[in-house]
Amino acid sequence: MGANVTEVTAYRTVAGNGDSARVREMLKHGEIHLVTFTSSSTVHNLVKMLNAPNLEALLKGVTMACIGPVTAGTARDLGLKVDLVAEEYTIEGLMRAVLGYYGL
């Protein structure tokens, strides 16, 4: 149709190189209460980082918050429970959803 298209990368999600063993220990001892996901790639990165055969048990009692329905779908597809999904698909919307979830 005569259109010229230029692809521009607006952002890139990169997996961190933090101490995954420490994160697993914190989860195991109930020290992490809330995990937020801002994109499907963040869900994939957490699951990959934890590399836990008992993922459901490890995340029991942890509130899972997703920025939108696509991210929530990814989380569910990977076996995570989703407690809340932001109505506005922005960081601010996600924070409002979290605050509302806790009645703040």
N, C-alpha and C. Protein backbone atom coordinates (compact mmCIF):
# COMPACT_ATOMS: atom_id res chain seq x y z
N MET A 1 0.82 -1.19 0.00
CA MET A 1 0.00 0.00 0.00
C MET A 1 0.87 1.26 0.00
N GLY A 2 2.16 1.08 -0.13
CA GLY A 2 3.04 2.24 -0.23
C GLY A 2 3.56 2.78 1.08
N ALA A 3 3.34 2.10 2.18
CA ALA A 3 3.80 2.60 3.48
C ALA A 3 5.27 2.24 3.70
N ASN A 4 6.00 3.13 4.30
CA ASN A 4 7.36 2.86 4.75
C ASN A 4 7.30 2.62 6.24
N VAL A 5 7.85 1.50 6.69
CA VAL A 5 7.78 1.14 8.12
C VAL A 5 9.19 1.11 8.68
N THR A 6 9.37 1.78 9.80
CA THR A 6 10.63 1.75 10.53
C THR A 6 10.36 1.17 11.90
N GLU A 7 11.01 0.07 12.21
CA GLU A 7 10.84 -0.56 13.52
C GLU A 7 11.77 0.12 14.51
N VAL A 8 11.20 0.53 15.64
CA VAL A 8 11.97 1.20 16.69
C VAL A 8 11.77 0.42 17.98
N THR A 9 12.85 -0.01 18.61
CA THR A 9 12.75 -0.69 19.89
C THR A 9 12.58 0.36 20.97
N ALA A 10 11.44 0.33 21.66
CA ALA A 10 11.14 1.32 22.68
C ALA A 10 11.74 0.94 24.03
N TYR A 11 11.80 -0.33 24.30
CA TYR A 11 12.42 -0.80 25.53
C TYR A 11 12.79 -2.25 25.35
N ARG A 12 13.64 -2.71 26.24
CA ARG A 12 14.07 -4.10 26.19
C ARG A 12 14.15 -4.59 27.63
N THR A 13 13.54 -5.72 27.90
CA THR A 13 13.59 -6.31 29.23
C THR A 13 14.75 -7.28 29.27
N VAL A 14 15.63 -7.09 30.24
CA VAL A 14 16.81 -7.93 30.38
C VAL A 14 16.75 -8.62 31.73
N ALA A 15 16.95 -9.92 31.73
CA ALA A 15 16.97 -10.66 32.99
C ALA A 15 18.17 -10.21 33.82
N GLY A 16 17.93 -10.01 35.10
CA GLY A 16 19.01 -9.62 35.99
C GLY A 16 19.91 -10.79 36.33
N ASN A 17 20.96 -10.50 37.01
CA ASN A 17 21.88 -11.57 37.43
C ASN A 17 21.98 -11.61 38.94
N GLY A 18 20.84 -11.39 39.60
CA GLY A 18 20.80 -11.41 41.05
C GLY A 18 20.95 -12.81 41.62
N ASP A 19 20.89 -12.89 42.90
CA ASP A 19 21.09 -14.14 43.63
C ASP A 19 19.79 -14.92 43.68
N SER A 20 19.57 -15.79 42.69
CA SER A 20 18.31 -16.54 42.63
C SER A 20 18.14 -17.47 43.82
N ALA A 21 19.23 -18.01 44.34
CA ALA A 21 19.14 -18.88 45.52
C ALA A 21 18.60 -18.08 46.71
N ARG A 22 19.03 -16.85 46.83
CA ARG A 22 18.55 -15.99 47.93
C ARG A 22 17.06 -15.69 47.76
N VAL A 23 16.64 -15.42 46.54
CA VAL A 23 15.22 -15.15 46.28
C VAL A 23 14.39 -16.38 46.63
N ARG A 24 14.86 -17.56 46.23
CA ARG A 24 14.13 -18.80 46.57
C ARG A 24 14.04 -18.96 48.09
N GLU A 25 15.11 -18.68 48.80
CA GLU A 25 15.10 -18.78 50.27
C GLU A 25 14.11 -17.78 50.87
N MET A 26 14.12 -16.56 50.36
CA MET A 26 13.18 -15.55 50.87
C MET A 26 11.74 -15.98 50.64
N LEU A 27 11.47 -16.55 49.48
CA LEU A 27 10.12 -17.04 49.21
C LEU A 27 9.77 -18.20 50.14
N LYS A 28 10.71 -19.10 50.30
CA LYS A 28 10.49 -20.27 51.16
C LYS A 28 10.15 -19.86 52.59
N HIS A 29 10.75 -18.77 53.06
CA HIS A 29 10.54 -18.32 54.45
C HIS A 29 9.47 -17.23 54.57
N GLY A 30 8.73 -16.99 53.49
CA GLY A 30 7.63 -16.03 53.55
C GLY A 30 8.06 -14.58 53.66
N GLU A 31 9.25 -14.27 53.18
CA GLU A 31 9.77 -12.90 53.28
C GLU A 31 9.35 -12.02 52.10
N ILE A 32 8.80 -12.62 51.06
CA ILE A 32 8.31 -11.85 49.91
C ILE A 32 6.80 -12.03 49.88
N HIS A 33 6.09 -10.90 49.88
CA HIS A 33 4.64 -10.93 49.97
C HIS A 33 3.94 -10.59 48.67
N LEU A 34 4.62 -9.86 47.79
CA LEU A 34 4.01 -9.38 46.56
C LEU A 34 5.03 -9.40 45.44
N VAL A 35 4.60 -9.87 44.27
CA VAL A 35 5.41 -9.82 43.06
C VAL A 35 4.59 -9.11 42.01
N THR A 36 5.20 -8.12 41.35
CA THR A 36 4.52 -7.42 40.26
C THR A 36 5.16 -7.80 38.93
N PHE A 37 4.32 -7.94 37.93
CA PHE A 37 4.78 -8.25 36.58
C PHE A 37 4.35 -7.12 35.66
N THR A 38 5.31 -6.52 34.98
CA THR A 38 5.02 -5.40 34.09
C THR A 38 4.98 -5.80 32.62
N SER A 39 5.27 -7.06 32.33
CA SER A 39 5.21 -7.57 30.97
C SER A 39 5.30 -9.09 31.02
N SER A 40 4.96 -9.72 29.91
CA SER A 40 5.07 -11.18 29.85
C SER A 40 6.51 -11.63 30.01
N SER A 41 7.46 -10.84 29.52
CA SER A 41 8.86 -11.23 29.66
C SER A 41 9.30 -11.25 31.12
N THR A 42 8.71 -10.39 31.96
CA THR A 42 9.08 -10.43 33.38
C THR A 42 8.57 -11.70 34.04
N VAL A 43 7.42 -12.19 33.58
CA VAL A 43 6.91 -13.46 34.09
C VAL A 43 7.86 -14.59 33.69
N HIS A 44 8.20 -14.63 32.42
CA HIS A 44 9.13 -15.66 31.93
C HIS A 44 10.46 -15.59 32.69
N ASN A 45 10.97 -14.39 32.90
CA ASN A 45 12.26 -14.23 33.59
C ASN A 45 12.21 -14.73 35.03
N LEU A 46 11.11 -14.45 35.74
CA LEU A 46 11.01 -14.93 37.12
C LEU A 46 10.95 -16.46 37.16
N VAL A 47 10.12 -17.05 36.33
CA VAL A 47 9.99 -18.51 36.31
C VAL A 47 11.33 -19.15 35.97
N LYS A 48 12.01 -18.59 34.99
CA LYS A 48 13.33 -19.12 34.61
C LYS A 48 14.34 -18.94 35.74
N MET A 49 14.33 -17.77 36.37
CA MET A 49 15.27 -17.50 37.46
C MET A 49 15.06 -18.44 38.64
N LEU A 50 13.80 -18.66 39.00
CA LEU A 50 13.53 -19.52 40.16
C LEU A 50 13.87 -20.98 39.86
N ASN A 51 13.63 -21.40 38.62
CA ASN A 51 13.99 -22.76 38.20
C ASN A 51 13.61 -23.77 39.28
N ALA A 52 12.36 -23.70 39.72
CA ALA A 52 11.90 -24.53 40.84
C ALA A 52 10.84 -25.52 40.38
N PRO A 53 11.07 -26.81 40.63
CA PRO A 53 10.07 -27.80 40.27
C PRO A 53 8.79 -27.65 41.10
N ASN A 54 8.90 -27.03 42.25
CA ASN A 54 7.76 -26.83 43.16
C ASN A 54 7.32 -25.36 43.15
N LEU A 55 7.24 -24.79 41.95
CA LEU A 55 6.95 -23.36 41.82
C LEU A 55 5.67 -22.95 42.52
N GLU A 56 4.62 -23.73 42.37
CA GLU A 56 3.34 -23.39 43.00
C GLU A 56 3.49 -23.33 44.52
N ALA A 57 4.15 -24.30 45.11
CA ALA A 57 4.36 -24.31 46.56
C ALA A 57 5.27 -23.17 47.00
N LEU A 58 6.30 -22.89 46.20
CA LEU A 58 7.25 -21.83 46.54
C LEU A 58 6.56 -20.46 46.56
N LEU A 59 5.59 -20.27 45.67
CA LEU A 59 4.90 -18.98 45.57
C LEU A 59 3.59 -18.92 46.35
N LYS A 60 3.30 -19.97 47.11
CA LYS A 60 2.06 -19.99 47.90
C LYS A 60 2.07 -18.83 48.88
N GLY A 61 0.97 -18.11 48.91
CA GLY A 61 0.85 -16.98 49.83
C GLY A 61 1.44 -15.68 49.30
N VAL A 62 2.04 -15.72 48.12
CA VAL A 62 2.59 -14.51 47.51
C VAL A 62 1.53 -13.94 46.57
N THR A 63 1.23 -12.66 46.73
CA THR A 63 0.28 -12.00 45.85
C THR A 63 0.95 -11.71 44.52
N MET A 64 0.27 -12.07 43.43
CA MET A 64 0.78 -11.85 42.08
C MET A 64 -0.05 -10.76 41.42
N ALA A 65 0.62 -9.69 41.00
CA ALA A 65 -0.06 -8.56 40.38
C ALA A 65 0.47 -8.36 38.97
N CYS A 66 -0.43 -8.24 38.01
CA CYS A 66 -0.05 -8.09 36.61
C CYS A 66 -0.54 -6.76 36.06
N ILE A 67 0.24 -6.20 35.15
CA ILE A 67 -0.07 -4.90 34.57
C ILE A 67 -1.27 -4.95 33.63
N GLY A 68 -1.58 -6.10 33.11
CA GLY A 68 -2.72 -6.20 32.19
C GLY A 68 -3.07 -7.64 31.88
N PRO A 69 -4.10 -7.84 31.07
CA PRO A 69 -4.60 -9.19 30.80
C PRO A 69 -3.63 -10.06 29.99
N VAL A 70 -2.83 -9.49 29.12
CA VAL A 70 -1.87 -10.29 28.36
C VAL A 70 -0.82 -10.87 29.30
N THR A 71 -0.30 -10.03 30.17
CA THR A 71 0.69 -10.48 31.16
C THR A 71 0.07 -11.50 32.11
N ALA A 72 -1.16 -11.26 32.52
CA ALA A 72 -1.85 -12.21 33.39
C ALA A 72 -2.04 -13.55 32.70
N GLY A 73 -2.35 -13.53 31.42
CA GLY A 73 -2.50 -14.77 30.66
C GLY A 73 -1.20 -15.55 30.59
N THR A 74 -0.09 -14.85 30.41
CA THR A 74 1.22 -15.50 30.40
C THR A 74 1.49 -16.14 31.75
N ALA A 75 1.21 -15.41 32.82
CA ALA A 75 1.44 -15.95 34.16
C ALA A 75 0.62 -17.21 34.39
N ARG A 76 -0.64 -17.17 34.02
CA ARG A 76 -1.50 -18.35 34.18
C ARG A 76 -1.01 -19.51 33.33
N ASP A 77 -0.59 -19.21 32.10
CA ASP A 77 -0.08 -20.25 31.21
C ASP A 77 1.15 -20.94 31.79
N LEU A 78 1.92 -20.20 32.59
CA LEU A 78 3.12 -20.76 33.20
C LEU A 78 2.86 -21.34 34.59
N GLY A 79 1.57 -21.43 34.94
CA GLY A 79 1.20 -22.09 36.20
C GLY A 79 1.15 -21.20 37.42
N LEU A 80 1.18 -19.89 37.22
CA LEU A 80 1.10 -18.98 38.36
C LEU A 80 -0.34 -18.56 38.59
N LYS A 81 -0.70 -18.34 39.84
CA LYS A 81 -2.01 -17.79 40.14
C LYS A 81 -1.88 -16.27 40.02
N VAL A 82 -2.92 -15.65 39.56
CA VAL A 82 -2.91 -14.19 39.41
C VAL A 82 -3.97 -13.64 40.35
N ASP A 83 -3.54 -12.78 41.25
CA ASP A 83 -4.45 -12.22 42.25
C ASP A 83 -5.11 -10.93 41.79
N LEU A 84 -4.39 -10.14 41.00
CA LEU A 84 -4.97 -8.89 40.53
C LEU A 84 -4.36 -8.47 39.21
N VAL A 85 -5.19 -7.79 38.44
CA VAL A 85 -4.79 -7.28 37.13
C VAL A 85 -5.20 -5.82 37.08
N ALA A 86 -4.28 -4.97 36.70
CA ALA A 86 -4.57 -3.54 36.62
C ALA A 86 -5.62 -3.28 35.55
N GLU A 87 -6.51 -2.34 35.82
CA GLU A 87 -7.51 -1.95 34.81
C GLU A 87 -6.89 -1.01 33.79
N GLU A 88 -5.96 -0.18 34.24
CA GLU A 88 -5.20 0.71 33.35
C GLU A 88 -3.82 0.08 33.20
N TYR A 89 -3.40 -0.20 31.98
CA TYR A 89 -2.20 -0.98 31.72
C TYR A 89 -0.93 -0.13 31.74
N THR A 90 -0.71 0.53 32.90
CA THR A 90 0.47 1.37 33.12
C THR A 90 1.03 1.03 34.50
N ILE A 91 2.24 1.50 34.77
CA ILE A 91 2.82 1.31 36.11
C ILE A 91 1.93 1.96 37.16
N GLU A 92 1.43 3.15 36.85
CA GLU A 92 0.56 3.85 37.80
C GLU A 92 -0.72 3.04 38.03
N GLY A 93 -1.28 2.49 36.96
CA GLY A 93 -2.47 1.66 37.09
C GLY A 93 -2.20 0.41 37.92
N LEU A 94 -1.04 -0.18 37.73
CA LEU A 94 -0.65 -1.36 38.50
C LEU A 94 -0.53 -1.00 39.98
N MET A 95 0.07 0.13 40.27
CA MET A 95 0.21 0.55 41.67
C MET A 95 -1.15 0.85 42.30
N ARG A 96 -2.04 1.46 41.55
CA ARG A 96 -3.40 1.69 42.07
C ARG A 96 -4.09 0.37 42.37
N ALA A 97 -3.91 -0.61 41.48
CA ALA A 97 -4.53 -1.92 41.70
C ALA A 97 -3.97 -2.58 42.95
N VAL A 98 -2.67 -2.48 43.16
CA VAL A 98 -2.05 -3.05 44.35
C VAL A 98 -2.56 -2.36 45.61
N LEU A 99 -2.57 -1.04 45.57
CA LEU A 99 -3.06 -0.30 46.74
C LEU A 99 -4.53 -0.63 47.03
N GLY A 100 -5.33 -0.73 45.99
CA GLY A 100 -6.73 -1.09 46.16
C GLY A 100 -6.90 -2.51 46.72
N TYR A 101 -6.06 -3.41 46.27
CA TYR A 101 -6.10 -4.79 46.74
C TYR A 101 -5.88 -4.86 48.25
N TYR A 102 -4.98 -4.00 48.74
CA TYR A 102 -4.68 -3.97 50.17
C TYR A 102 -5.53 -2.96 50.92
N GLY A 103 -6.50 -2.35 50.23
CA GLY A 103 -7.41 -1.41 50.89
C GLY A 103 -6.75 -0.12 51.30
N LEU A 104 -5.77 0.32 50.54
CA LEU A 104 -5.06 1.56 50.86
C LEU A 104 -5.43 2.67 49.90
